[in-house]
Amino acid sequence: MSIDKSTVSKVAGLARIKVTEDDLNYYAPQLQNILQWVEQLQEVNTDGVEPLANVSEIALRLRDDVVNDGGIQQEVLQNAPETVEGFFVVTKIVE
């Protein structure tokens, strides 16, 4: 796949990113190099290679997934400029 300035402009438009003409000239070859690297990686034979999340054999310690209220309501509310009956007070933004 070839990346040119029009492709970069289209992708930038889809991502809602403003790019200048100088940006197009800079990013087109950069993105082309990235795609060439990905194509090169696709040629690597990975048959028999198990997917892994970490290259080290590390067993992660996991905590129990217990639902609780945190028990620190008063400490959290101390950060609020205004509270009422244990809740944050915020201004109404819907008319």
PDB file of N, CA and C in Angstrom:
ATOM      1  N   MET A   1       0.843  -1.175   0.000  1.00  0.00           N
ATOM      2  CA  MET A   1       0.000   0.000   0.000  1.00  0.00           C
ATOM      3  C   MET A   1       0.889   1.239   0.000  1.00  0.00           C
ATOM      4  N   SER A   2       0.527   2.191  -0.807  1.00  0.00           N
ATOM      5  CA  SER A   2       1.311   3.415  -0.916  1.00  0.00           C
ATOM      6  C   SER A   2       0.602   4.552  -0.190  1.00  0.00           C
ATOM      7  N   ILE A   3       1.370   5.280   0.592  1.00  0.00           N
ATOM      8  CA  ILE A   3       0.833   6.430   1.318  1.00  0.00           C
ATOM      9  C   ILE A   3       1.338   7.700   0.645  1.00  0.00           C
ATOM     10  N   ASP A   4       0.399   8.508   0.180  1.00  0.00           N
ATOM     11  CA  ASP A   4       0.771   9.790  -0.407  1.00  0.00           C
ATOM     12  C   ASP A   4       0.090  10.902   0.379  1.00  0.00           C
ATOM     13  N   LYS A   5       0.276  12.124  -0.072  1.00  0.00           N
ATOM     14  CA  LYS A   5      -0.269  13.271   0.658  1.00  0.00           C
ATOM     15  C   LYS A   5      -1.787  13.237   0.721  1.00  0.00           C
ATOM     16  N   SER A   6      -2.430  12.767  -0.327  1.00  0.00           N
ATOM     17  CA  SER A   6      -3.899  12.736  -0.322  1.00  0.00           C
ATOM     18  C   SER A   6      -4.414  11.717   0.699  1.00  0.00           C
ATOM     19  N   THR A   7      -3.702  10.589   0.853  1.00  0.00           N
ATOM     20  CA  THR A   7      -4.099   9.592   1.849  1.00  0.00           C
ATOM     21  C   THR A   7      -3.925  10.147   3.256  1.00  0.00           C
ATOM     22  N   VAL A   8      -2.804  10.825   3.491  1.00  0.00           N
ATOM     23  CA  VAL A   8      -2.570  11.430   4.806  1.00  0.00           C
ATOM     24  C   VAL A   8      -3.639  12.481   5.099  1.00  0.00           C
ATOM     25  N   SER A   9      -3.992  13.260   4.105  1.00  0.00           N
ATOM     26  CA  SER A   9      -5.028  14.279   4.272  1.00  0.00           C
ATOM     27  C   SER A   9      -6.373  13.641   4.601  1.00  0.00           C
ATOM     28  N   LYS A  10      -6.703  12.536   3.920  1.00  0.00           N
ATOM     29  CA  LYS A  10      -7.968  11.846   4.177  1.00  0.00           C
ATOM     30  C   LYS A  10      -8.000  11.274   5.593  1.00  0.00           C
ATOM     31  N   VAL A  11      -6.905  10.628   6.002  1.00  0.00           N
ATOM     32  CA  VAL A  11      -6.843  10.055   7.350  1.00  0.00           C
ATOM     33  C   VAL A  11      -6.923  11.161   8.399  1.00  0.00           C
ATOM     34  N   ALA A  12      -6.245  12.272   8.165  1.00  0.00           N
ATOM     35  CA  ALA A  12      -6.298  13.392   9.106  1.00  0.00           C
ATOM     36  C   ALA A  12      -7.719  13.942   9.200  1.00  0.00           C
ATOM     37  N   GLY A  13      -8.414  13.999   8.080  1.00  0.00           N
ATOM     38  CA  GLY A  13      -9.799  14.467   8.090  1.00  0.00           C
ATOM     39  C   GLY A  13     -10.697  13.530   8.878  1.00  0.00           C
ATOM     40  N   LEU A  14     -10.509  12.220   8.692  1.00  0.00           N
ATOM     41  CA  LEU A  14     -11.306  11.238   9.434  1.00  0.00           C
ATOM     42  C   LEU A  14     -11.032  11.324  10.930  1.00  0.00           C
ATOM     43  N   ALA A  15      -9.781  11.641  11.291  1.00  0.00           N
ATOM     44  CA  ALA A  15      -9.407  11.753  12.707  1.00  0.00           C
ATOM     45  C   ALA A  15      -9.662  13.150  13.253  1.00  0.00           C
ATOM     46  N   ARG A  16     -10.163  14.028  12.416  1.00  0.00           N
ATOM     47  CA  ARG A  16     -10.434  15.414  12.806  1.00  0.00           C
ATOM     48  C   ARG A  16      -9.169  16.109  13.293  1.00  0.00           C
ATOM     49  N   ILE A  17      -8.066  15.874  12.551  1.00  0.00           N
ATOM     50  CA  ILE A  17      -6.782  16.498  12.880  1.00  0.00           C
ATOM     51  C   ILE A  17      -6.448  17.491  11.775  1.00  0.00           C
ATOM     52  N   LYS A  18      -6.148  18.714  12.168  1.00  0.00           N
ATOM     53  CA  LYS A  18      -5.783  19.736  11.195  1.00  0.00           C
ATOM     54  C   LYS A  18      -4.316  19.558  10.814  1.00  0.00           C
ATOM     55  N   VAL A  19      -4.043  19.437   9.521  1.00  0.00           N
ATOM     56  CA  VAL A  19      -2.663  19.310   9.049  1.00  0.00           C
ATOM     57  C   VAL A  19      -2.402  20.351   7.963  1.00  0.00           C
ATOM     58  N   THR A  20      -1.209  20.874   7.983  1.00  0.00           N
ATOM     59  CA  THR A  20      -0.801  21.847   6.970  1.00  0.00           C
ATOM     60  C   THR A  20      -0.138  21.117   5.814  1.00  0.00           C
ATOM     61  N   GLU A  21       0.152  21.841   4.773  1.00  0.00           N
ATOM     62  CA  GLU A  21       0.844  21.255   3.612  1.00  0.00           C
ATOM     63  C   GLU A  21       2.214  20.728   4.016  1.00  0.00           C
ATOM     64  N   ASP A  22       2.905  21.455   4.901  1.00  0.00           N
ATOM     65  CA  ASP A  22       4.208  20.980   5.385  1.00  0.00           C
ATOM     66  C   ASP A  22       4.055  19.684   6.172  1.00  0.00           C
ATOM     67  N   ASP A  23       2.969  19.581   6.955  1.00  0.00           N
ATOM     68  CA  ASP A  23       2.711  18.351   7.707  1.00  0.00           C
ATOM     69  C   ASP A  23       2.489  17.179   6.762  1.00  0.00           C
ATOM     70  N   LEU A  24       1.745  17.426   5.688  1.00  0.00           N
ATOM     71  CA  LEU A  24       1.498  16.354   4.717  1.00  0.00           C
ATOM     72  C   LEU A  24       2.801  15.855   4.118  1.00  0.00           C
ATOM     73  N   ASN A  25       3.688  16.783   3.778  1.00  0.00           N
ATOM     74  CA  ASN A  25       4.978  16.398   3.202  1.00  0.00           C
ATOM     75  C   ASN A  25       5.839  15.629   4.200  1.00  0.00           C
ATOM     76  N   TYR A  26       5.689  15.929   5.485  1.00  0.00           N
ATOM     77  CA  TYR A  26       6.475  15.265   6.516  1.00  0.00           C
ATOM     78  C   TYR A  26       5.915  13.882   6.850  1.00  0.00           C
ATOM     79  N   TYR A  27       4.574  13.804   7.028  1.00  0.00           N
ATOM     80  CA  TYR A  27       3.969  12.566   7.525  1.00  0.00           C
ATOM     81  C   TYR A  27       3.790  11.492   6.464  1.00  0.00           C
ATOM     82  N   ALA A  28       3.661  11.853   5.201  1.00  0.00           N
ATOM     83  CA  ALA A  28       3.460  10.838   4.160  1.00  0.00           C
ATOM     84  C   ALA A  28       4.607   9.817   4.131  1.00  0.00           C
ATOM     85  N   PRO A  29       5.877  10.231   4.071  1.00  0.00           N
ATOM     86  CA  PRO A  29       6.945   9.222   4.082  1.00  0.00           C
ATOM     87  C   PRO A  29       7.072   8.504   5.422  1.00  0.00           C
ATOM     88  N   GLN A  30       6.747   9.197   6.523  1.00  0.00           N
ATOM     89  CA  GLN A  30       6.798   8.559   7.831  1.00  0.00           C
ATOM     90  C   GLN A  30       5.799   7.400   7.908  1.00  0.00           C
ATOM     91  N   LEU A  31       4.575   7.663   7.470  1.00  0.00           N
ATOM     92  CA  LEU A  31       3.558   6.611   7.495  1.00  0.00           C
ATOM     93  C   LEU A  31       3.882   5.491   6.506  1.00  0.00           C
ATOM     94  N   GLN A  32       4.464   5.836   5.385  1.00  0.00           N
ATOM     95  CA  GLN A  32       4.882   4.820   4.413  1.00  0.00           C
ATOM     96  C   GLN A  32       5.930   3.896   5.029  1.00  0.00           C
ATOM     97  N   ASN A  33       6.878   4.446   5.764  1.00  0.00           N
ATOM     98  CA  ASN A  33       7.899   3.632   6.428  1.00  0.00           C
ATOM     99  C   ASN A  33       7.279   2.715   7.481  1.00  0.00           C
ATOM    100  N   ILE A  34       6.299   3.207   8.199  1.00  0.00           N
ATOM    101  CA  ILE A  34       5.623   2.387   9.218  1.00  0.00           C
ATOM    102  C   ILE A  34       4.924   1.209   8.545  1.00  0.00           C
ATOM    103  N   LEU A  35       4.226   1.471   7.456  1.00  0.00           N
ATOM    104  CA  LEU A  35       3.526   0.381   6.761  1.00  0.00           C
ATOM    105  C   LEU A  35       4.504  -0.629   6.175  1.00  0.00           C
ATOM    106  N   GLN A  36       5.639  -0.177   5.678  1.00  0.00           N
ATOM    107  CA  GLN A  36       6.652  -1.109   5.177  1.00  0.00           C
ATOM    108  C   GLN A  36       7.171  -1.992   6.305  1.00  0.00           C
ATOM    109  N   TRP A  37       7.349  -1.431   7.494  1.00  0.00           N
ATOM    110  CA  TRP A  37       7.808  -2.209   8.646  1.00  0.00           C
ATOM    111  C   TRP A  37       6.765  -3.259   9.031  1.00  0.00           C
ATOM    112  N   VAL A  38       5.495  -2.885   9.012  1.00  0.00           N
ATOM    113  CA  VAL A  38       4.429  -3.834   9.329  1.00  0.00           C
ATOM    114  C   VAL A  38       4.397  -4.960   8.300  1.00  0.00           C
ATOM    115  N   GLU A  39       4.549  -4.622   7.032  1.00  0.00           N
ATOM    116  CA  GLU A  39       4.595  -5.650   5.988  1.00  0.00           C
ATOM    117  C   GLU A  39       5.780  -6.590   6.206  1.00  0.00           C
ATOM    118  N   GLN A  40       6.898  -6.059   6.623  1.00  0.00           N
ATOM    119  CA  GLN A  40       8.070  -6.884   6.905  1.00  0.00           C
ATOM    120  C   GLN A  40       7.799  -7.811   8.088  1.00  0.00           C
ATOM    121  N   LEU A  41       7.124  -7.317   9.112  1.00  0.00           N
ATOM    122  CA  LEU A  41       6.788  -8.145  10.264  1.00  0.00           C
ATOM    123  C   LEU A  41       5.820  -9.270   9.899  1.00  0.00           C
ATOM    124  N   GLN A  42       4.938  -9.035   8.927  1.00  0.00           N
ATOM    125  CA  GLN A  42       3.984 -10.057   8.520  1.00  0.00           C
ATOM    126  C   GLN A  42       4.671 -11.243   7.847  1.00  0.00           C
ATOM    127  N   GLU A  43       5.897 -11.062   7.379  1.00  0.00           N
ATOM    128  CA  GLU A  43       6.637 -12.143   6.733  1.00  0.00           C
ATOM    129  C   GLU A  43       7.279 -13.097   7.731  1.00  0.00           C
ATOM    130  N   VAL A  44       7.314 -12.714   9.000  1.00  0.00           N
ATOM    131  CA  VAL A  44       7.945 -13.553  10.018  1.00  0.00           C
ATOM    132  C   VAL A  44       7.075 -14.785  10.271  1.00  0.00           C
ATOM    133  N   ASN A  45       7.712 -15.964  10.281  1.00  0.00           N
ATOM    134  CA  ASN A  45       7.000 -17.206  10.539  1.00  0.00           C
ATOM    135  C   ASN A  45       6.755 -17.344  12.041  1.00  0.00           C
ATOM    136  N   THR A  46       5.489 -17.331  12.418  1.00  0.00           N
ATOM    137  CA  THR A  46       5.131 -17.445  13.833  1.00  0.00           C
ATOM    138  C   THR A  46       4.384 -18.748  14.116  1.00  0.00           C
ATOM    139  N   ASP A  47       4.501 -19.729  13.223  1.00  0.00           N
ATOM    140  CA  ASP A  47       3.844 -21.015  13.453  1.00  0.00           C
ATOM    141  C   ASP A  47       4.422 -21.661  14.705  1.00  0.00           C
ATOM    142  N   GLY A  48       3.558 -22.136  15.551  1.00  0.00           N
ATOM    143  CA  GLY A  48       3.992 -22.808  16.772  1.00  0.00           C
ATOM    144  C   GLY A  48       4.412 -21.878  17.889  1.00  0.00           C
ATOM    145  N   VAL A  49       4.292 -20.583  17.688  1.00  0.00           N
ATOM    146  CA  VAL A  49       4.650 -19.624  18.738  1.00  0.00           C
ATOM    147  C   VAL A  49       3.386 -19.266  19.495  1.00  0.00           C
ATOM    148  N   GLU A  50       3.400 -19.509  20.792  1.00  0.00           N
ATOM    149  CA  GLU A  50       2.228 -19.219  21.621  1.00  0.00           C
ATOM    150  C   GLU A  50       2.130 -17.723  21.890  1.00  0.00           C
ATOM    151  N   PRO A  51       0.922 -17.162  21.853  1.00  0.00           N
ATOM    152  CA  PRO A  51       0.768 -15.755  22.226  1.00  0.00           C
ATOM    153  C   PRO A  51       1.148 -15.567  23.683  1.00  0.00           C
ATOM    154  N   LEU A  52       1.758 -14.428  23.982  1.00  0.00           N
ATOM    155  CA  LEU A  52       2.125 -14.170  25.365  1.00  0.00           C
ATOM    156  C   LEU A  52       1.948 -12.706  25.704  1.00  0.00           C
ATOM    157  N   ALA A  53       1.699 -12.472  26.976  1.00  0.00           N
ATOM    158  CA  ALA A  53       1.496 -11.115  27.451  1.00  0.00           C
ATOM    159  C   ALA A  53       2.775 -10.547  28.037  1.00  0.00           C
ATOM    160  N   ASN A  54       3.724 -11.427  28.383  1.00  0.00           N
ATOM    161  CA  ASN A  54       4.967 -10.982  28.988  1.00  0.00           C
ATOM    162  C   ASN A  54       6.051 -11.974  28.597  1.00  0.00           C
ATOM    163  N   VAL A  55       7.239 -11.490  28.325  1.00  0.00           N
ATOM    164  CA  VAL A  55       8.315 -12.381  27.918  1.00  0.00           C
ATOM    165  C   VAL A  55       8.905 -13.141  29.090  1.00  0.00           C
ATOM    166  N   SER A  56       8.616 -12.722  30.289  1.00  0.00           N
ATOM    167  CA  SER A  56       9.100 -13.397  31.490  1.00  0.00           C
ATOM    168  C   SER A  56       7.994 -14.262  32.066  1.00  0.00           C
ATOM    169  N   GLU A  57       8.381 -15.364  32.660  1.00  0.00           N
ATOM    170  CA  GLU A  57       7.407 -16.228  33.329  1.00  0.00           C
ATOM    171  C   GLU A  57       7.137 -15.662  34.722  1.00  0.00           C
ATOM    172  N   ILE A  58       6.269 -14.682  34.789  1.00  0.00           N
ATOM    173  CA  ILE A  58       5.960 -14.020  36.048  1.00  0.00           C
ATOM    174  C   ILE A  58       4.508 -14.316  36.407  1.00  0.00           C
ATOM    175  N   ALA A  59       4.296 -14.801  37.610  1.00  0.00           N
ATOM    176  CA  ALA A  59       2.932 -14.989  38.093  1.00  0.00           C
ATOM    177  C   ALA A  59       2.527 -13.731  38.849  1.00  0.00           C
ATOM    178  N   LEU A  60       1.517 -13.084  38.351  1.00  0.00           N
ATOM    179  CA  LEU A  60       1.067 -11.851  38.975  1.00  0.00           C
ATOM    180  C   LEU A  60       0.207 -12.156  40.188  1.00  0.00           C
ATOM    181  N   ARG A  61       0.432 -11.405  41.241  1.00  0.00           N
ATOM    182  CA  ARG A  61      -0.400 -11.532  42.419  1.00  0.00           C
ATOM    183  C   ARG A  61      -1.669 -10.722  42.184  1.00  0.00           C
ATOM    184  N   LEU A  62      -2.796 -11.361  42.326  1.00  0.00           N
ATOM    185  CA  LEU A  62      -4.068 -10.691  42.114  1.00  0.00           C
ATOM    186  C   LEU A  62      -4.804 -10.559  43.428  1.00  0.00           C
ATOM    187  N   ARG A  63      -5.490  -9.467  43.600  1.00  0.00           N
ATOM    188  CA  ARG A  63      -6.298  -9.281  44.803  1.00  0.00           C
ATOM    189  C   ARG A  63      -7.691  -9.824  44.524  1.00  0.00           C
ATOM    190  N   ASP A  64      -8.411 -10.123  45.575  1.00  0.00           N
ATOM    191  CA  ASP A  64      -9.791 -10.555  45.434  1.00  0.00           C
ATOM    192  C   ASP A  64     -10.623  -9.401  44.905  1.00  0.00           C
ATOM    193  N   ASP A  65     -11.515  -9.700  43.978  1.00  0.00           N
ATOM    194  CA  ASP A  65     -12.392  -8.688  43.413  1.00  0.00           C
ATOM    195  C   ASP A  65     -13.615  -8.553  44.302  1.00  0.00           C
ATOM    196  N   VAL A  66     -13.520  -7.663  45.281  1.00  0.00           N
ATOM    197  CA  VAL A  66     -14.572  -7.486  46.265  1.00  0.00           C
ATOM    198  C   VAL A  66     -15.191  -6.105  46.076  1.00  0.00           C
ATOM    199  N   VAL A  67     -16.494  -6.073  45.976  1.00  0.00           N
ATOM    200  CA  VAL A  67     -17.200  -4.805  45.826  1.00  0.00           C
ATOM    201  C   VAL A  67     -17.379  -4.182  47.205  1.00  0.00           C
ATOM    202  N   ASN A  68     -16.981  -2.905  47.330  1.00  0.00           N
ATOM    203  CA  ASN A  68     -17.207  -2.181  48.574  1.00  0.00           C
ATOM    204  C   ASN A  68     -17.373  -0.708  48.255  1.00  0.00           C
ATOM    205  N   ASP A  69     -17.756   0.056  49.243  1.00  0.00           N
ATOM    206  CA  ASP A  69     -17.975   1.484  49.013  1.00  0.00           C
ATOM    207  C   ASP A  69     -16.714   2.304  49.241  1.00  0.00           C
ATOM    208  N   GLY A  70     -15.616   1.652  49.556  1.00  0.00           N
ATOM    209  CA  GLY A  70     -14.371   2.356  49.802  1.00  0.00           C
ATOM    210  C   GLY A  70     -14.216   2.799  51.235  1.00  0.00           C
ATOM    211  N   GLY A  71     -15.322   3.100  51.892  1.00  0.00           N
ATOM    212  CA  GLY A  71     -15.286   3.475  53.298  1.00  0.00           C
ATOM    213  C   GLY A  71     -14.569   4.783  53.588  1.00  0.00           C
ATOM    214  N   ILE A  72     -14.401   5.625  52.579  1.00  0.00           N
ATOM    215  CA  ILE A  72     -13.676   6.886  52.800  1.00  0.00           C
ATOM    216  C   ILE A  72     -14.468   8.076  52.268  1.00  0.00           C
ATOM    217  N   GLN A  73     -15.781   8.018  52.429  1.00  0.00           N
ATOM    218  CA  GLN A  73     -16.625   9.081  51.900  1.00  0.00           C
ATOM    219  C   GLN A  73     -16.218  10.453  52.427  1.00  0.00           C
ATOM    220  N   GLN A  74     -15.988  10.572  53.710  1.00  0.00           N
ATOM    221  CA  GLN A  74     -15.659  11.872  54.284  1.00  0.00           C
ATOM    222  C   GLN A  74     -14.328  12.406  53.755  1.00  0.00           C
ATOM    223  N   GLU A  75     -13.340  11.523  53.585  1.00  0.00           N
ATOM    224  CA  GLU A  75     -12.053  11.973  53.054  1.00  0.00           C
ATOM    225  C   GLU A  75     -12.190  12.462  51.617  1.00  0.00           C
ATOM    226  N   VAL A  76     -13.007  11.767  50.817  1.00  0.00           N
ATOM    227  CA  VAL A  76     -13.217  12.177  49.426  1.00  0.00           C
ATOM    228  C   VAL A  76     -13.949  13.506  49.372  1.00  0.00           C
ATOM    229  N   LEU A  77     -14.966  13.662  50.201  1.00  0.00           N
ATOM    230  CA  LEU A  77     -15.751  14.894  50.174  1.00  0.00           C
ATOM    231  C   LEU A  77     -14.968  16.099  50.670  1.00  0.00           C
ATOM    232  N   GLN A  78     -13.875  15.876  51.379  1.00  0.00           N
ATOM    233  CA  GLN A  78     -13.054  17.003  51.830  1.00  0.00           C
ATOM    234  C   GLN A  78     -12.440  17.748  50.644  1.00  0.00           C
ATOM    235  N   ASN A  79     -12.338  17.098  49.495  1.00  0.00           N
ATOM    236  CA  ASN A  79     -11.781  17.740  48.300  1.00  0.00           C
ATOM    237  C   ASN A  79     -12.796  18.629  47.591  1.00  0.00           C
ATOM    238  N   ALA A  80     -14.060  18.517  47.948  1.00  0.00           N
ATOM    239  CA  ALA A  80     -15.114  19.253  47.255  1.00  0.00           C
ATOM    240  C   ALA A  80     -15.256  20.653  47.823  1.00  0.00           C
ATOM    241  N   PRO A  81     -15.489  21.645  46.956  1.00  0.00           N
ATOM    242  CA  PRO A  81     -15.721  22.992  47.455  1.00  0.00           C
ATOM    243  C   PRO A  81     -17.043  23.112  48.201  1.00  0.00           C
ATOM    244  N   GLU A  82     -18.030  22.241  47.819  1.00  0.00           N
ATOM    245  CA  GLU A  82     -19.333  22.304  48.488  1.00  0.00           C
ATOM    246  C   GLU A  82     -19.966  20.923  48.474  1.00  0.00           C
ATOM    247  N   THR A  83     -20.559  20.522  49.589  1.00  0.00           N
ATOM    248  CA  THR A  83     -21.252  19.239  49.686  1.00  0.00           C
ATOM    249  C   THR A  83     -22.591  19.429  50.380  1.00  0.00           C
ATOM    250  N   VAL A  84     -23.519  18.521  50.094  1.00  0.00           N
ATOM    251  CA  VAL A  84     -24.819  18.509  50.750  1.00  0.00           C
ATOM    252  C   VAL A  84     -25.199  17.058  51.004  1.00  0.00           C
ATOM    253  N   GLU A  85     -25.442  16.728  52.263  1.00  0.00           N
ATOM    254  CA  GLU A  85     -25.898  15.411  52.662  1.00  0.00           C
ATOM    255  C   GLU A  85     -25.019  14.285  52.112  1.00  0.00           C
ATOM    256  N   GLY A  86     -23.716  14.501  52.119  1.00  0.00           N
ATOM    257  CA  GLY A  86     -22.789  13.464  51.696  1.00  0.00           C
ATOM    258  C   GLY A  86     -22.567  13.355  50.199  1.00  0.00           C
ATOM    259  N   PHE A  87     -22.966  14.379  49.436  1.00  0.00           N
ATOM    260  CA  PHE A  87     -22.792  14.363  47.987  1.00  0.00           C
ATOM    261  C   PHE A  87     -22.090  15.641  47.540  1.00  0.00           C
ATOM    262  N   PHE A  88     -21.420  15.569  46.387  1.00  0.00           N
ATOM    263  CA  PHE A  88     -20.830  16.760  45.773  1.00  0.00           C
ATOM    264  C   PHE A  88     -21.943  17.666  45.266  1.00  0.00           C
ATOM    265  N   VAL A  89     -21.759  18.966  45.374  1.00  0.00           N
ATOM    266  CA  VAL A  89     -22.683  19.920  44.796  1.00  0.00           C
ATOM    267  C   VAL A  89     -22.045  20.454  43.523  1.00  0.00           C
ATOM    268  N   VAL A  90     -22.790  20.321  42.416  1.00  0.00           N
ATOM    269  CA  VAL A  90     -22.313  20.822  41.127  1.00  0.00           C
ATOM    270  C   VAL A  90     -23.362  21.759  40.541  1.00  0.00           C
ATOM    271  N   THR A  91     -22.915  22.650  39.685  1.00  0.00           N
ATOM    272  CA  THR A  91     -23.852  23.596  39.079  1.00  0.00           C
ATOM    273  C   THR A  91     -24.645  22.914  37.977  1.00  0.00           C
ATOM    274  N   LYS A  92     -25.857  23.355  37.803  1.00  0.00           N
ATOM    275  CA  LYS A  92     -26.715  22.814  36.762  1.00  0.00           C
ATOM    276  C   LYS A  92     -26.241  23.333  35.421  1.00  0.00           C
ATOM    277  N   ILE A  93     -26.069  22.429  34.459  1.00  0.00           N
ATOM    278  CA  ILE A  93     -25.599  22.865  33.143  1.00  0.00           C
ATOM    279  C   ILE A  93     -26.625  22.622  32.052  1.00  0.00           C
ATOM    280  N   VAL A  94     -27.753  21.961  32.369  1.00  0.00           N
ATOM    281  CA  VAL A  94     -28.805  21.699  31.406  1.00  0.00           C
ATOM    282  C   VAL A  94     -29.907  22.716  31.627  1.00  0.00           C
ATOM    283  N   GLU A  95     -30.325  23.354  30.555  1.00  0.00           N
ATOM    284  CA  GLU A  95     -31.384  24.356  30.672  1.00  0.00           C
ATOM    285  C   GLU A  95     -32.721  23.775  30.318  1.00  0.00           C
TER     286      GLU A  95
END
